[in-house]
Amino acid sequence: MQYDPIKRSLGNVFNKSPFLRKTFYQLLDLLLLRAWHVHKELKSWIKQSPTSPSILDAGAGYGQHSLWLNRRLPKATILAVDVK
């Protein structure tokens, strides 16, 4: 299945405003079990991380995990990159 047309269509809708983008990220977190596992691992990492880490989110996708990390580590420097 080709995901690029789907991602493009969703991007056209949800990138119209920051509110819609944040709503989309919350929907992804609710609908995808993978997000639950990622957040579980990130929470355990945060407990032992420095207060202002430098983070590279390689393969950031829509950026929902970068946003999640930024909310929990506001002093962190986050560089999120994706191939597309």
PDB file of N, CA and C in Angstrom:
ATOM      1  N   MET A   1       0.841  -1.185   0.000  1.00  0.00           N
ATOM      2  CA  MET A   1       0.000   0.000   0.000  1.00  0.00           C
ATOM      3  C   MET A   1       0.884   1.245   0.000  1.00  0.00           C
ATOM      4  N   GLN A   2       0.510   2.225  -0.748  1.00  0.00           N
ATOM      5  CA  GLN A   2       1.247   3.477  -0.832  1.00  0.00           C
ATOM      6  C   GLN A   2       0.712   4.445   0.226  1.00  0.00           C
ATOM      7  N   TYR A   3       1.562   4.846   1.171  1.00  0.00           N
ATOM      8  CA  TYR A   3       1.132   5.727   2.252  1.00  0.00           C
ATOM      9  C   TYR A   3       1.308   7.208   1.931  1.00  0.00           C
ATOM     10  N   ASP A   4       2.147   7.545   0.962  1.00  0.00           N
ATOM     11  CA  ASP A   4       2.398   8.959   0.662  1.00  0.00           C
ATOM     12  C   ASP A   4       1.133   9.733   0.295  1.00  0.00           C
ATOM     13  N   PRO A   5       0.249   9.207  -0.565  1.00  0.00           N
ATOM     14  CA  PRO A   5      -0.970   9.970  -0.855  1.00  0.00           C
ATOM     15  C   PRO A   5      -1.841  10.173   0.388  1.00  0.00           C
ATOM     16  N   ILE A   6      -1.890   9.178   1.254  1.00  0.00           N
ATOM     17  CA  ILE A   6      -2.672   9.293   2.489  1.00  0.00           C
ATOM     18  C   ILE A   6      -2.053  10.343   3.396  1.00  0.00           C
ATOM     19  N   LYS A   7      -0.735  10.282   3.561  1.00  0.00           N
ATOM     20  CA  LYS A   7      -0.049  11.263   4.411  1.00  0.00           C
ATOM     21  C   LYS A   7      -0.225  12.676   3.866  1.00  0.00           C
ATOM     22  N   ARG A   8      -0.164  12.815   2.554  1.00  0.00           N
ATOM     23  CA  ARG A   8      -0.333  14.127   1.934  1.00  0.00           C
ATOM     24  C   ARG A   8      -1.742  14.662   2.177  1.00  0.00           C
ATOM     25  N   SER A   9      -2.729  13.803   2.018  1.00  0.00           N
ATOM     26  CA  SER A   9      -4.122  14.222   2.243  1.00  0.00           C
ATOM     27  C   SER A   9      -4.344  14.621   3.694  1.00  0.00           C
ATOM     28  N   LEU A  10      -3.851  13.819   4.626  1.00  0.00           N
ATOM     29  CA  LEU A  10      -3.991  14.157   6.044  1.00  0.00           C
ATOM     30  C   LEU A  10      -3.243  15.442   6.371  1.00  0.00           C
ATOM     31  N   GLY A  11      -2.058  15.602   5.801  1.00  0.00           N
ATOM     32  CA  GLY A  11      -1.270  16.809   6.025  1.00  0.00           C
ATOM     33  C   GLY A  11      -1.990  18.058   5.543  1.00  0.00           C
ATOM     34  N   ASN A  12      -2.659  17.960   4.393  1.00  0.00           N
ATOM     35  CA  ASN A  12      -3.402  19.104   3.863  1.00  0.00           C
ATOM     36  C   ASN A  12      -4.514  19.547   4.813  1.00  0.00           C
ATOM     37  N   VAL A  13      -5.127  18.587   5.485  1.00  0.00           N
ATOM     38  CA  VAL A  13      -6.223  18.906   6.407  1.00  0.00           C
ATOM     39  C   VAL A  13      -5.687  19.418   7.737  1.00  0.00           C
ATOM     40  N   PHE A  14      -4.750  18.688   8.343  1.00  0.00           N
ATOM     41  CA  PHE A  14      -4.346  18.967   9.711  1.00  0.00           C
ATOM     42  C   PHE A  14      -3.253  20.027   9.847  1.00  0.00           C
ATOM     43  N   ASN A  15      -2.618  20.421   8.774  1.00  0.00           N
ATOM     44  CA  ASN A  15      -1.591  21.463   8.851  1.00  0.00           C
ATOM     45  C   ASN A  15      -2.158  22.867   8.674  1.00  0.00           C
ATOM     46  N   LYS A  16      -3.469  22.997   8.640  1.00  0.00           N
ATOM     47  CA  LYS A  16      -4.083  24.312   8.454  1.00  0.00           C
ATOM     48  C   LYS A  16      -3.977  25.194   9.693  1.00  0.00           C
ATOM     49  N   SER A  17      -3.861  24.569  10.873  1.00  0.00           N
ATOM     50  CA  SER A  17      -3.728  25.355  12.100  1.00  0.00           C
ATOM     51  C   SER A  17      -3.020  24.517  13.162  1.00  0.00           C
ATOM     52  N   PRO A  18      -2.351  25.168  14.107  1.00  0.00           N
ATOM     53  CA  PRO A  18      -1.696  24.430  15.193  1.00  0.00           C
ATOM     54  C   PRO A  18      -2.688  23.584  16.001  1.00  0.00           C
ATOM     55  N   PHE A  19      -3.915  24.095  16.197  1.00  0.00           N
ATOM     56  CA  PHE A  19      -4.920  23.337  16.934  1.00  0.00           C
ATOM     57  C   PHE A  19      -5.234  22.020  16.240  1.00  0.00           C
ATOM     58  N   LEU A  20      -5.447  22.065  14.925  1.00  0.00           N
ATOM     59  CA  LEU A  20      -5.743  20.839  14.179  1.00  0.00           C
ATOM     60  C   LEU A  20      -4.570  19.868  14.214  1.00  0.00           C
ATOM     61  N   ARG A  21      -3.350  20.394  14.127  1.00  0.00           N
ATOM     62  CA  ARG A  21      -2.164  19.533  14.169  1.00  0.00           C
ATOM     63  C   ARG A  21      -2.061  18.830  15.517  1.00  0.00           C
ATOM     64  N   LYS A  22      -2.261  19.567  16.614  1.00  0.00           N
ATOM     65  CA  LYS A  22      -2.201  18.961  17.948  1.00  0.00           C
ATOM     66  C   LYS A  22      -3.316  17.937  18.137  1.00  0.00           C
ATOM     67  N   THR A  23      -4.499  18.240  17.601  1.00  0.00           N
ATOM     68  CA  THR A  23      -5.606  17.288  17.671  1.00  0.00           C
ATOM     69  C   THR A  23      -5.258  16.007  16.927  1.00  0.00           C
ATOM     70  N   PHE A  24      -4.625  16.151  15.781  1.00  0.00           N
ATOM     71  CA  PHE A  24      -4.206  14.989  14.998  1.00  0.00           C
ATOM     72  C   PHE A  24      -3.204  14.146  15.779  1.00  0.00           C
ATOM     73  N   TYR A  25      -2.240  14.796  16.427  1.00  0.00           N
ATOM     74  CA  TYR A  25      -1.257  14.055  17.227  1.00  0.00           C
ATOM     75  C   TYR A  25      -1.937  13.297  18.354  1.00  0.00           C
ATOM     76  N   GLN A  26      -2.920  13.917  18.995  1.00  0.00           N
ATOM     77  CA  GLN A  26      -3.637  13.242  20.076  1.00  0.00           C
ATOM     78  C   GLN A  26      -4.423  12.051  19.545  1.00  0.00           C
ATOM     79  N   LEU A  27      -5.002  12.189  18.366  1.00  0.00           N
ATOM     80  CA  LEU A  27      -5.708  11.062  17.755  1.00  0.00           C
ATOM     81  C   LEU A  27      -4.753   9.917  17.434  1.00  0.00           C
ATOM     82  N   LEU A  28      -3.572  10.254  16.928  1.00  0.00           N
ATOM     83  CA  LEU A  28      -2.584   9.215  16.652  1.00  0.00           C
ATOM     84  C   LEU A  28      -2.210   8.464  17.924  1.00  0.00           C
ATOM     85  N   ASP A  29      -2.027   9.205  19.018  1.00  0.00           N
ATOM     86  CA  ASP A  29      -1.674   8.575  20.286  1.00  0.00           C
ATOM     87  C   ASP A  29      -2.785   7.654  20.779  1.00  0.00           C
ATOM     88  N   LEU A  30      -4.027   8.041  20.558  1.00  0.00           N
ATOM     89  CA  LEU A  30      -5.156   7.217  21.007  1.00  0.00           C
ATOM     90  C   LEU A  30      -5.343   5.974  20.138  1.00  0.00           C
ATOM     91  N   LEU A  31      -5.119   6.121  18.847  1.00  0.00           N
ATOM     92  CA  LEU A  31      -5.423   5.042  17.922  1.00  0.00           C
ATOM     93  C   LEU A  31      -4.295   4.045  17.714  1.00  0.00           C
ATOM     94  N   LEU A  32      -3.075   4.443  17.963  1.00  0.00           N
ATOM     95  CA  LEU A  32      -1.942   3.563  17.671  1.00  0.00           C
ATOM     96  C   LEU A  32      -1.325   3.011  18.958  1.00  0.00           C
ATOM     97  N   LEU A  33      -1.332   1.704  19.084  1.00  0.00           N
ATOM     98  CA  LEU A  33      -0.739   1.054  20.247  1.00  0.00           C
ATOM     99  C   LEU A  33       0.767   1.316  20.309  1.00  0.00           C
ATOM    100  N   ARG A  34       1.389   1.477  19.156  1.00  0.00           N
ATOM    101  CA  ARG A  34       2.824   1.745  19.111  1.00  0.00           C
ATOM    102  C   ARG A  34       3.174   3.013  19.879  1.00  0.00           C
ATOM    103  N   ALA A  35       2.338   4.026  19.792  1.00  0.00           N
ATOM    104  CA  ALA A  35       2.587   5.278  20.506  1.00  0.00           C
ATOM    105  C   ALA A  35       2.619   5.043  22.008  1.00  0.00           C
ATOM    106  N   TRP A  36       1.761   4.174  22.500  1.00  0.00           N
ATOM    107  CA  TRP A  36       1.750   3.850  23.931  1.00  0.00           C
ATOM    108  C   TRP A  36       3.086   3.261  24.348  1.00  0.00           C
ATOM    109  N   HIS A  37       3.618   2.342  23.552  1.00  0.00           N
ATOM    110  CA  HIS A  37       4.904   1.708  23.861  1.00  0.00           C
ATOM    111  C   HIS A  37       6.059   2.709  23.767  1.00  0.00           C
ATOM    112  N   VAL A  38       6.019   3.563  22.776  1.00  0.00           N
ATOM    113  CA  VAL A  38       7.065   4.582  22.628  1.00  0.00           C
ATOM    114  C   VAL A  38       7.050   5.519  23.834  1.00  0.00           C
ATOM    115  N   HIS A  39       5.886   5.970  24.251  1.00  0.00           N
ATOM    116  CA  HIS A  39       5.785   6.875  25.400  1.00  0.00           C
ATOM    117  C   HIS A  39       6.233   6.187  26.682  1.00  0.00           C
ATOM    118  N   LYS A  40       5.930   4.919  26.816  1.00  0.00           N
ATOM    119  CA  LYS A  40       6.366   4.159  27.997  1.00  0.00           C
ATOM    120  C   LYS A  40       7.892   4.142  28.086  1.00  0.00           C
ATOM    121  N   GLU A  41       8.547   3.872  26.972  1.00  0.00           N
ATOM    122  CA  GLU A  41      10.013   3.849  26.951  1.00  0.00           C
ATOM    123  C   GLU A  41      10.597   5.245  27.162  1.00  0.00           C
ATOM    124  N   LEU A  42       9.987   6.238  26.557  1.00  0.00           N
ATOM    125  CA  LEU A  42      10.485   7.608  26.724  1.00  0.00           C
ATOM    126  C   LEU A  42      10.333   8.086  28.169  1.00  0.00           C
ATOM    127  N   LYS A  43       9.249   7.701  28.830  1.00  0.00           N
ATOM    128  CA  LYS A  43       9.067   8.075  30.233  1.00  0.00           C
ATOM    129  C   LYS A  43      10.172   7.496  31.098  1.00  0.00           C
ATOM    130  N   SER A  44      10.551   6.245  30.854  1.00  0.00           N
ATOM    131  CA  SER A  44      11.637   5.647  31.646  1.00  0.00           C
ATOM    132  C   SER A  44      12.974   6.312  31.315  1.00  0.00           C
ATOM    133  N   TRP A  45      13.159   6.726  30.047  1.00  0.00           N
ATOM    134  CA  TRP A  45      14.393   7.427  29.682  1.00  0.00           C
ATOM    135  C   TRP A  45      14.452   8.809  30.325  1.00  0.00           C
ATOM    136  N   ILE A  46      13.320   9.511  30.372  1.00  0.00           N
ATOM    137  CA  ILE A  46      13.264  10.859  30.943  1.00  0.00           C
ATOM    138  C   ILE A  46      13.690  10.848  32.407  1.00  0.00           C
ATOM    139  N   LYS A  47      13.335   9.804  33.132  1.00  0.00           N
ATOM    140  CA  LYS A  47      13.683   9.718  34.555  1.00  0.00           C
ATOM    141  C   LYS A  47      15.185   9.769  34.788  1.00  0.00           C
ATOM    142  N   GLN A  48      15.963   9.272  33.832  1.00  0.00           N
ATOM    143  CA  GLN A  48      17.410   9.242  34.010  1.00  0.00           C
ATOM    144  C   GLN A  48      18.164  10.189  33.061  1.00  0.00           C
ATOM    145  N   SER A  49      17.423  10.989  32.307  1.00  0.00           N
ATOM    146  CA  SER A  49      18.062  11.894  31.348  1.00  0.00           C
ATOM    147  C   SER A  49      18.493  13.189  32.031  1.00  0.00           C
ATOM    148  N   PRO A  50      19.431  13.914  31.423  1.00  0.00           N
ATOM    149  CA  PRO A  50      19.780  15.243  31.939  1.00  0.00           C
ATOM    150  C   PRO A  50      18.597  16.207  31.772  1.00  0.00           C
ATOM    151  N   THR A  51      18.659  17.317  32.478  1.00  0.00           N
ATOM    152  CA  THR A  51      17.536  18.264  32.438  1.00  0.00           C
ATOM    153  C   THR A  51      17.401  18.982  31.094  1.00  0.00           C
ATOM    154  N   SER A  52      18.489  19.154  30.380  1.00  0.00           N
ATOM    155  CA  SER A  52      18.403  19.816  29.067  1.00  0.00           C
ATOM    156  C   SER A  52      19.187  19.005  28.027  1.00  0.00           C
ATOM    157  N   PRO A  53      18.660  17.840  27.639  1.00  0.00           N
ATOM    158  CA  PRO A  53      19.369  16.995  26.677  1.00  0.00           C
ATOM    159  C   PRO A  53      19.252  17.509  25.247  1.00  0.00           C
ATOM    160  N   SER A  54      20.149  17.059  24.404  1.00  0.00           N
ATOM    161  CA  SER A  54      20.045  17.276  22.963  1.00  0.00           C
ATOM    162  C   SER A  54      19.499  15.982  22.370  1.00  0.00           C
ATOM    163  N   ILE A  55      18.395  16.092  21.637  1.00  0.00           N
ATOM    164  CA  ILE A  55      17.691  14.911  21.137  1.00  0.00           C
ATOM    165  C   ILE A  55      17.585  14.988  19.622  1.00  0.00           C
ATOM    166  N   LEU A  56      17.892  13.877  18.959  1.00  0.00           N
ATOM    167  CA  LEU A  56      17.696  13.759  17.518  1.00  0.00           C
ATOM    168  C   LEU A  56      16.558  12.770  17.302  1.00  0.00           C
ATOM    169  N   ASP A  57      15.475  13.226  16.723  1.00  0.00           N
ATOM    170  CA  ASP A  57      14.341  12.371  16.391  1.00  0.00           C
ATOM    171  C   ASP A  57      14.457  12.047  14.909  1.00  0.00           C
ATOM    172  N   ALA A  58      15.180  10.973  14.608  1.00  0.00           N
ATOM    173  CA  ALA A  58      15.387  10.564  13.219  1.00  0.00           C
ATOM    174  C   ALA A  58      14.191   9.729  12.775  1.00  0.00           C
ATOM    175  N   GLY A  59      13.589  10.081  11.667  1.00  0.00           N
ATOM    176  CA  GLY A  59      12.374   9.418  11.216  1.00  0.00           C
ATOM    177  C   GLY A  59      11.180   9.947  11.990  1.00  0.00           C
ATOM    178  N   ALA A  60      11.114  11.255  12.128  1.00  0.00           N
ATOM    179  CA  ALA A  60      10.129  11.900  12.994  1.00  0.00           C
ATOM    180  C   ALA A  60       8.686  11.752  12.513  1.00  0.00           C
ATOM    181  N   GLY A  61       8.482  11.408  11.253  1.00  0.00           N
ATOM    182  CA  GLY A  61       7.112  11.275  10.761  1.00  0.00           C
ATOM    183  C   GLY A  61       6.368  12.595  10.886  1.00  0.00           C
ATOM    184  N   TYR A  62       5.229  12.571  11.560  1.00  0.00           N
ATOM    185  CA  TYR A  62       4.428  13.782  11.757  1.00  0.00           C
ATOM    186  C   TYR A  62       4.979  14.651  12.882  1.00  0.00           C
ATOM    187  N   GLY A  63       5.908  14.122  13.680  1.00  0.00           N
ATOM    188  CA  GLY A  63       6.510  14.902  14.755  1.00  0.00           C
ATOM    189  C   GLY A  63       5.796  14.798  16.085  1.00  0.00           C
ATOM    190  N   GLN A  64       4.864  13.848  16.217  1.00  0.00           N
ATOM    191  CA  GLN A  64       4.094  13.759  17.445  1.00  0.00           C
ATOM    192  C   GLN A  64       4.955  13.377  18.652  1.00  0.00           C
ATOM    193  N   HIS A  65       5.981  12.578  18.452  1.00  0.00           N
ATOM    194  CA  HIS A  65       6.834  12.201  19.579  1.00  0.00           C
ATOM    195  C   HIS A  65       7.769  13.351  19.969  1.00  0.00           C
ATOM    196  N   SER A  66       8.179  14.140  18.996  1.00  0.00           N
ATOM    197  CA  SER A  66       8.989  15.329  19.303  1.00  0.00           C
ATOM    198  C   SER A  66       8.167  16.327  20.118  1.00  0.00           C
ATOM    199  N   LEU A  67       6.919  16.514  19.739  1.00  0.00           N
ATOM    200  CA  LEU A  67       6.036  17.404  20.494  1.00  0.00           C
ATOM    201  C   LEU A  67       5.828  16.872  21.905  1.00  0.00           C
ATOM    202  N   TRP A  68       5.609  15.579  22.033  1.00  0.00           N
ATOM    203  CA  TRP A  68       5.406  14.944  23.338  1.00  0.00           C
ATOM    204  C   TRP A  68       6.638  15.151  24.218  1.00  0.00           C
ATOM    205  N   LEU A  69       7.828  14.932  23.651  1.00  0.00           N
ATOM    206  CA  LEU A  69       9.072  15.130  24.406  1.00  0.00           C
ATOM    207  C   LEU A  69       9.256  16.592  24.794  1.00  0.00           C
ATOM    208  N   ASN A  70       8.947  17.489  23.885  1.00  0.00           N
ATOM    209  CA  ASN A  70       9.112  18.915  24.158  1.00  0.00           C
ATOM    210  C   ASN A  70       8.235  19.387  25.307  1.00  0.00           C
ATOM    211  N   ARG A  71       7.061  18.809  25.433  1.00  0.00           N
ATOM    212  CA  ARG A  71       6.170  19.171  26.543  1.00  0.00           C
ATOM    213  C   ARG A  71       6.722  18.688  27.879  1.00  0.00           C
ATOM    214  N   ARG A  72       7.426  17.571  27.888  1.00  0.00           N
ATOM    215  CA  ARG A  72       7.951  17.016  29.128  1.00  0.00           C
ATOM    216  C   ARG A  72       9.363  17.500  29.456  1.00  0.00           C
ATOM    217  N   LEU A  73      10.099  17.896  28.435  1.00  0.00           N
ATOM    218  CA  LEU A  73      11.464  18.406  28.614  1.00  0.00           C
ATOM    219  C   LEU A  73      11.578  19.756  27.910  1.00  0.00           C
ATOM    220  N   PRO A  74      10.997  20.808  28.472  1.00  0.00           N
ATOM    221  CA  PRO A  74      10.981  22.103  27.770  1.00  0.00           C
ATOM    222  C   PRO A  74      12.368  22.706  27.541  1.00  0.00           C
ATOM    223  N   LYS A  75      13.374  22.283  28.304  1.00  0.00           N
ATOM    224  CA  LYS A  75      14.728  22.819  28.117  1.00  0.00           C
ATOM    225  C   LYS A  75      15.548  22.002  27.127  1.00  0.00           C
ATOM    226  N   ALA A  76      14.961  20.945  26.597  1.00  0.00           N
ATOM    227  CA  ALA A  76      15.672  20.086  25.648  1.00  0.00           C
ATOM    228  C   ALA A  76      15.814  20.778  24.294  1.00  0.00           C
ATOM    229  N   THR A  77      16.877  20.434  23.587  1.00  0.00           N
ATOM    230  CA  THR A  77      17.067  20.848  22.204  1.00  0.00           C
ATOM    231  C   THR A  77      16.708  19.643  21.349  1.00  0.00           C
ATOM    232  N   ILE A  78      15.680  19.781  20.520  1.00  0.00           N
ATOM    233  CA  ILE A  78      15.195  18.651  19.720  1.00  0.00           C
ATOM    234  C   ILE A  78      15.338  18.979  18.243  1.00  0.00           C
ATOM    235  N   LEU A  79      16.038  18.092  17.523  1.00  0.00           N
ATOM    236  CA  LEU A  79      16.143  18.194  16.080  1.00  0.00           C
ATOM    237  C   LEU A  79      15.372  17.017  15.505  1.00  0.00           C
ATOM    238  N   ALA A  80      14.258  17.290  14.835  1.00  0.00           N
ATOM    239  CA  ALA A  80      13.426  16.250  14.245  1.00  0.00           C
ATOM    240  C   ALA A  80      13.590  16.273  12.733  1.00  0.00           C
ATOM    241  N   VAL A  81      13.947  15.142  12.172  1.00  0.00           N
ATOM    242  CA  VAL A  81      14.136  15.042  10.714  1.00  0.00           C
ATOM    243  C   VAL A  81      13.383  13.820  10.190  1.00  0.00           C
ATOM    244  N   ASP A  82      12.976  13.930   8.944  1.00  0.00           N
ATOM    245  CA  ASP A  82      12.304  12.823   8.282  1.00  0.00           C
ATOM    246  C   ASP A  82      12.696  12.864   6.821  1.00  0.00           C
ATOM    247  N   VAL A  83      12.717  11.731   6.168  1.00  0.00           N
ATOM    248  CA  VAL A  83      13.114  11.660   4.768  1.00  0.00           C
ATOM    249  C   VAL A  83      12.181  12.489   3.888  1.00  0.00           C
ATOM    250  N   LYS A  84      10.910  12.476   4.185  1.00  0.00           N
ATOM    251  CA  LYS A  84       9.933  13.188   3.367  1.00  0.00           C
ATOM    252  C   LYS A  84       9.779  14.585   3.878  1.00  0.00           C
TER     253      LYS A  84
END
